[in-house]
Amino acid sequence: MKFKSVFEIIGPTMVGPSSSHTAGAVRIGLVARALFGELPEQVDIYLYGSFMETYRGHGTDVALVGGLLGYDADDNRIITSLKTAENKGMKIDFIEMSEEKPNPNTAVLYLQTKQKSLSIEGVSIGGGKIEITAINDFPISVSGDYPALLVFHQDTFGTIARVTNILLNESINVGAMQVNRKEKGDSALMMCELDEKPPITILEEMRQIDGVTDVYLMEDA
């Protein structure tokens, strides 16, 4: 079989030579874009381990940016994603990191506009599967296989109960929950992995809770 390039291969519904380095990287980019909610103006991408060593040859760079542009893993536009991002006014820097991470296929993305910023750390665990391990420096563990509700809030009494009561009223089951805080009484992140996608209206309802600073819905990628 003859291919025009390393990207034009038949694989598990993906564009690219490696499910870990391309399909997984696309999903990390997709999650980052979904959480950020718009096209970033500046993206700093820190690459670790195997990602750092082979990101050009395996297409990890174009895959991450393709995800940020909203392309899925089988979208042929991934091949030209760097040029497309440039044409859209996105400034992208790839930074090679020698520091070791628990997973060698790790990328940390810092997304910015003039109004806001977001950092997300993701790892590709093989077969196109990923895990999100940190958001805005809060350690979490989200697979991206189920909808996940991310609630940023102040560490105050009753906030978690108010959030879960809203889910109760909508009859939405929580499959997994994590709560992390920087220190007692400081900022915190609550993550609820849900069995089904919640109605978007509950995000605004949760934002009205005293102490809640923002709410994101991370849909399965």
Protein backbone atom coordinates (compact mmCIF):
# COMPACT_ATOMS: atom_id res chain seq x y z
CA MET A 1 0.00 0.00 0.00
CA LYS A 2 1.34 3.42 -0.95
CA PHE A 3 0.81 6.60 1.08
CA LYS A 4 1.34 10.20 0.01
CA SER A 5 2.55 11.14 3.50
CA VAL A 6 2.91 9.70 6.99
CA PHE A 7 -0.50 11.18 7.84
CA GLU A 8 -2.43 9.37 5.13
CA ILE A 9 -2.73 6.01 6.85
CA ILE A 10 -5.65 3.83 7.76
CA GLY A 11 -5.96 3.69 11.52
CA PRO A 12 -8.52 3.79 14.32
CA THR A 13 -10.52 6.76 12.95
CA MET A 14 -7.62 9.17 13.13
CA VAL A 15 -5.21 11.19 11.03
CA GLY A 16 -1.62 10.49 12.02
CA PRO A 17 0.93 7.74 12.57
CA SER A 18 0.38 7.15 16.30
CA SER A 19 -2.73 6.88 18.43
CA SER A 20 -0.76 8.06 21.47
CA HIS A 21 1.07 10.95 19.82
CA THR A 22 -1.60 12.19 17.43
CA ALA A 23 -5.11 10.95 18.28
CA GLY A 24 -4.50 11.43 22.01
CA ALA A 25 -2.94 14.84 21.40
CA VAL A 26 -5.97 15.92 19.36
CA ARG A 27 -8.26 15.02 22.27
CA ILE A 28 -6.14 17.04 24.70
CA GLY A 29 -6.43 20.03 22.38
CA LEU A 30 -10.18 19.50 21.98
CA VAL A 31 -10.73 19.43 25.74
CA ALA A 32 -8.63 22.57 26.22
CA ARG A 33 -10.61 24.41 23.52
CA ALA A 34 -13.95 23.25 24.96
CA LEU A 35 -13.04 24.48 28.42
CA PHE A 36 -11.63 27.77 27.15
CA GLY A 37 -14.76 28.37 25.11
CA GLU A 38 -13.19 30.38 22.30
CA LEU A 39 -10.16 30.60 20.05
CA PRO A 40 -7.14 31.62 22.13
CA GLU A 41 -4.85 34.41 20.97
CA GLN A 42 -1.70 32.94 22.55
CA VAL A 43 -0.95 29.30 23.35
CA ASP A 44 2.22 28.11 25.09
CA ILE A 45 2.55 24.33 24.78
CA TYR A 46 5.02 22.62 27.12
CA LEU A 47 6.00 19.13 25.94
CA TYR A 48 7.47 16.44 28.18
CA GLY A 49 9.05 13.04 27.72
CA SER A 50 8.20 11.23 24.50
CA PHE A 51 5.99 14.13 23.38
CA MET A 52 9.02 16.40 23.62
CA GLU A 53 11.35 13.99 21.81
CA THR A 54 9.15 13.13 18.83
CA TYR A 55 6.45 15.80 18.53
CA ARG A 56 7.48 16.91 15.03
CA GLY A 57 7.99 13.46 13.54
CA HIS A 58 4.81 12.00 15.04
CA GLY A 59 2.65 15.03 14.35
CA THR A 60 1.93 15.82 18.00
CA ASP A 61 2.35 19.53 17.28
CA VAL A 62 -0.24 19.66 14.47
CA ALA A 63 -2.54 17.33 16.45
CA LEU A 64 -2.60 19.53 19.56
CA VAL A 65 -3.23 22.64 17.49
CA GLY A 66 -5.83 20.81 15.40
CA GLY A 67 -7.71 20.01 18.59
CA LEU A 68 -7.52 23.66 19.65
CA LEU A 69 -9.07 24.56 16.30
CA GLY A 70 -11.92 22.12 16.96
CA TYR A 71 -10.82 19.36 14.57
CA ASP A 72 -11.55 15.76 15.51
CA ALA A 73 -8.93 13.00 15.27
CA ASP A 74 -10.02 11.90 11.78
CA ASP A 75 -10.12 15.39 10.25
CA ASN A 76 -7.62 15.81 7.40
CA ARG A 77 -7.35 19.54 8.17
CA ILE A 78 -5.10 18.56 11.09
CA ILE A 79 -2.23 18.31 8.60
CA THR A 80 -2.30 22.08 7.94
CA SER A 81 -3.44 23.15 11.42
CA LEU A 82 -0.30 25.20 12.20
CA LYS A 83 -0.80 27.34 9.11
CA THR A 84 -4.54 27.67 9.80
CA ALA A 85 -3.86 28.78 13.36
CA GLU A 86 -1.39 31.38 12.10
CA ASN A 87 -3.95 32.68 9.60
CA LYS A 88 -6.48 33.00 12.42
CA GLY A 89 -4.06 35.13 14.44
CA MET A 90 -3.08 32.51 17.01
CA LYS A 91 0.48 32.75 18.32
CA ILE A 92 1.75 29.31 19.32
CA ASP A 93 5.02 28.47 21.06
CA PHE A 94 6.24 24.91 21.65
CA ILE A 95 8.54 24.60 24.66
CA GLU A 96 10.61 21.44 25.13
CA MET A 97 10.84 20.42 28.80
CA SER A 98 13.55 18.12 30.17
CA GLU A 99 11.71 17.67 33.48
CA GLU A 100 10.31 14.17 33.95
CA LYS A 101 6.59 13.59 34.40
CA PRO A 102 4.87 10.40 35.64
CA ASN A 103 3.58 9.83 32.09
CA PRO A 104 6.02 10.43 29.23
CA ASN A 105 3.27 11.62 26.85
CA THR A 106 2.44 14.82 28.73
CA ALA A 107 1.54 18.27 27.44
CA VAL A 108 0.70 21.41 29.40
CA LEU A 109 -1.23 24.06 27.47
CA TYR A 110 -1.53 27.71 28.55
CA LEU A 111 -4.32 29.43 26.61
CA GLN A 112 -4.73 33.20 26.73
CA THR A 113 -6.70 36.11 25.37
CA LYS A 114 -6.54 39.66 26.67
CA GLN A 115 -9.50 38.89 28.92
CA LYS A 116 -8.76 35.43 30.34
CA SER A 117 -6.35 32.53 30.63
CA LEU A 118 -6.52 28.79 31.28
CA SER A 119 -3.93 26.10 31.90
CA ILE A 120 -4.58 22.41 31.33
CA GLU A 121 -2.29 19.41 31.72
CA GLY A 122 -3.13 16.28 29.75
CA VAL A 123 -1.53 12.92 29.14
CA SER A 124 -2.05 10.44 26.32
CA ILE A 125 -2.35 6.94 27.73
CA GLY A 126 -2.58 4.98 24.48
CA GLY A 127 -5.19 4.05 21.93
CA GLY A 128 -6.32 7.64 21.61
CA LYS A 129 -7.33 7.74 25.29
CA ILE A 130 -6.34 10.66 27.50
CA GLU A 131 -6.42 11.80 31.09
CA ILE A 132 -6.60 15.41 32.22
CA THR A 133 -4.34 15.67 35.28
CA ALA A 134 -4.51 19.38 36.17
CA ILE A 135 -6.53 22.49 35.38
CA ASN A 136 -5.28 25.91 36.50
CA ASP A 137 -2.73 24.08 38.67
CA PHE A 138 -5.44 22.09 40.50
CA PRO A 139 -4.58 18.37 40.34
CA ILE A 140 -7.49 16.28 39.03
CA SER A 141 -8.03 13.00 37.19
CA VAL A 142 -10.57 13.12 34.37
CA SER A 143 -10.65 10.61 31.52
CA GLY A 144 -12.75 12.69 29.14
CA ASP A 145 -14.92 9.62 28.48
CA TYR A 146 -17.89 11.09 30.37
CA PRO A 147 -19.25 14.62 30.80
CA ALA A 148 -17.49 16.33 33.69
CA LEU A 149 -18.61 19.38 35.62
CA LEU A 150 -15.79 21.63 36.85
CA VAL A 151 -16.79 24.11 39.54
CA PHE A 152 -14.23 26.70 40.67
CA HIS A 153 -15.19 28.13 44.05
CA GLN A 154 -14.03 29.46 47.37
CA ASP A 155 -13.50 26.85 50.05
CA THR A 156 -16.54 27.81 52.13
CA PHE A 157 -19.05 25.77 54.11
CA GLY A 158 -22.03 24.44 52.15
CA THR A 159 -20.84 25.20 48.61
CA ILE A 160 -20.38 21.56 47.62
CA ALA A 161 -23.81 20.64 49.01
CA ARG A 162 -25.48 23.44 47.03
CA VAL A 163 -23.86 22.24 43.81
CA THR A 164 -24.83 18.60 44.36
CA ASN A 165 -28.39 19.62 45.29
CA ILE A 166 -28.78 21.15 41.83
CA LEU A 167 -27.68 17.84 40.29
CA LEU A 168 -30.11 16.01 42.59
CA ASN A 169 -32.99 18.20 41.45
CA GLU A 170 -32.16 17.32 37.82
CA SER A 171 -31.89 13.57 38.66
CA ILE A 172 -28.29 13.49 37.36
CA ASN A 173 -26.07 10.77 38.81
CA VAL A 174 -22.46 11.50 39.79
CA GLY A 175 -20.11 8.70 38.81
CA ALA A 176 -17.01 10.21 40.42
CA MET A 177 -16.20 13.33 42.41
CA GLN A 178 -12.99 15.09 43.40
CA VAL A 179 -12.47 18.27 45.41
CA ASN A 180 -9.11 20.02 45.64
CA ARG A 181 -8.25 23.26 47.41
CA LYS A 182 -5.05 25.27 47.52
CA GLU A 183 -5.41 25.70 51.28
CA LYS A 184 -8.18 26.01 53.86
CA GLY A 185 -10.56 28.84 52.96
CA ASP A 186 -8.77 29.54 49.67
CA SER A 187 -9.79 28.76 46.08
CA ALA A 188 -10.92 25.23 45.29
CA LEU A 189 -11.98 23.05 42.37
CA MET A 190 -14.82 20.53 42.48
CA MET A 191 -15.02 17.96 39.68
CA CYS A 192 -18.10 15.79 39.13
CA GLU A 193 -17.95 13.13 36.42
CA LEU A 194 -21.56 12.57 35.33
CA ASP A 195 -23.43 9.65 33.79
CA GLU A 196 -25.13 11.98 31.31
CA LYS A 197 -24.76 15.45 29.87
CA PRO A 198 -26.58 17.97 32.10
CA PRO A 199 -28.77 20.77 30.73
CA ILE A 200 -26.69 23.88 30.06
CA THR A 201 -29.07 25.92 32.23
CA ILE A 202 -27.66 24.38 35.40
CA LEU A 203 -24.23 25.90 34.72
CA GLU A 204 -25.69 29.38 35.12
CA GLU A 205 -27.65 28.25 38.17
CA MET A 206 -24.44 27.05 39.78
CA ARG A 207 -22.66 30.30 38.91
CA GLN A 208 -25.21 32.11 41.05
CA ILE A 209 -24.14 30.20 44.18
CA ASP A 210 -22.26 32.39 46.64
CA GLY A 211 -18.55 31.61 46.44
CA VAL A 212 -18.67 29.98 42.99
CA THR A 213 -16.35 31.82 40.61
CA ASP A 214 -16.89 29.81 37.42
CA VAL A 215 -18.36 26.60 36.05
CA TYR A 216 -17.27 24.59 33.01
CA LEU A 217 -18.73 21.53 31.34
CA MET A 218 -16.14 19.18 29.90
CA GLU A 219 -17.95 16.95 27.42
CA ASP A 220 -16.67 13.59 26.32
CA ALA A 221 -14.18 14.16 23.52
